[in-house]
């Protein structure tokens, strides 16, 4: 589950940036040639975020050129 590890890393970065506050929106950029499909990214993020301050966050995904998976921003 390589994708899950990538998503867990994104979640960790989002939680660190939120500094314990509830996260309302998470914006993620997914490269069109990334091994993680946008639908999987959202599902895995929601699963990984269960019981965290990001559990109820809206996930906004933008598909971009390339292979990257990027935490673009969060809104608290």
Protein backbone atom coordinates (compact mmCIF):
# COMPACT_ATOMS: atom_id res chain seq x y z
CA UNK A 1 0.00 0.00 0.00
CA UNK A 2 2.45 2.62 -1.24
CA UNK A 3 -0.42 5.08 -1.71
CA UNK A 4 -1.44 4.82 1.94
CA UNK A 5 2.05 5.78 3.13
CA UNK A 6 2.02 8.84 0.85
CA UNK A 7 -1.40 9.86 2.18
CA UNK A 8 -0.30 9.34 5.78
CA UNK A 9 2.63 11.65 5.10
CA UNK A 10 0.25 14.30 3.65
CA UNK A 11 -2.03 13.94 6.67
CA UNK A 12 0.90 14.31 9.07
CA UNK A 13 1.99 17.50 7.32
CA UNK A 14 -1.56 18.88 7.43
CA UNK A 15 -1.96 18.08 11.13
CA UNK A 16 1.40 19.65 11.95
CA UNK A 17 0.47 22.81 10.04
CA UNK A 18 -2.90 22.99 11.85
CA UNK A 19 -1.16 22.80 15.22
CA UNK A 20 -4.04 20.94 16.89
CA UNK A 21 -6.83 22.99 15.34
CA UNK A 22 -9.71 21.43 13.40
CA UNK A 23 -9.02 21.32 9.68
CA UNK A 24 -11.96 22.37 7.52
CA UNK A 25 -10.47 21.99 4.02
CA UNK A 26 -7.47 20.11 2.66
CA UNK A 27 -6.29 20.97 -0.85
CA UNK A 28 -4.21 18.32 -2.58
CA UNK A 29 -2.59 18.38 -6.01
CA UNK A 30 -2.34 15.01 -7.77
CA UNK A 31 -0.16 14.62 -10.84
CA UNK A 32 -1.90 13.13 -13.84
CA UNK A 33 0.83 10.48 -13.99
CA UNK A 34 0.91 9.90 -10.23
CA UNK A 35 0.37 6.31 -9.14
CA UNK A 36 -2.45 7.49 -6.85
CA UNK A 37 -5.81 8.08 -8.52
CA UNK A 38 -7.71 11.14 -7.23
CA UNK A 39 -10.62 9.02 -5.96
CA UNK A 40 -8.21 6.80 -4.03
CA UNK A 41 -6.44 9.83 -2.59
CA UNK A 42 -9.69 11.16 -1.16
CA UNK A 43 -10.79 7.77 0.20
CA UNK A 44 -7.42 7.02 1.79
CA UNK A 45 -7.12 10.51 3.27
CA UNK A 46 -10.58 10.24 4.86
CA UNK A 47 -9.70 6.79 6.19
CA UNK A 48 -6.34 7.90 7.60
CA UNK A 49 -7.85 11.07 9.09
CA UNK A 50 -10.47 9.19 11.15
CA UNK A 51 -10.37 10.40 14.78
CA UNK A 52 -8.03 13.31 13.99
CA UNK A 53 -8.67 17.06 13.68
CA UNK A 54 -8.89 16.45 9.90
CA UNK A 55 -11.63 13.81 10.14
CA UNK A 56 -14.41 16.07 8.84
CA UNK A 57 -12.29 18.07 6.40
CA UNK A 58 -13.52 18.66 2.88
CA UNK A 59 -10.97 17.31 0.41
CA UNK A 60 -10.33 19.40 -2.70
CA UNK A 61 -8.21 17.71 -5.34
CA UNK A 62 -6.68 19.36 -8.39
CA UNK A 63 -5.11 17.25 -11.11
CA UNK A 64 -1.85 18.75 -12.34
CA UNK A 65 0.78 17.76 -14.93
CA UNK A 66 3.46 15.41 -13.69
CA UNK A 67 3.77 12.66 -11.11
CA UNK A 68 3.66 14.63 -7.85
CA UNK A 69 1.32 14.29 -4.91
CA UNK A 70 1.34 17.63 -3.05
CA UNK A 71 -0.36 19.02 0.02
CA UNK A 72 -1.23 22.41 -1.46
CA UNK A 73 -2.90 24.03 1.55
CA UNK A 74 -5.24 23.61 4.48
CA UNK A 75 -7.97 25.79 5.90
CA UNK A 76 -8.64 25.78 9.63
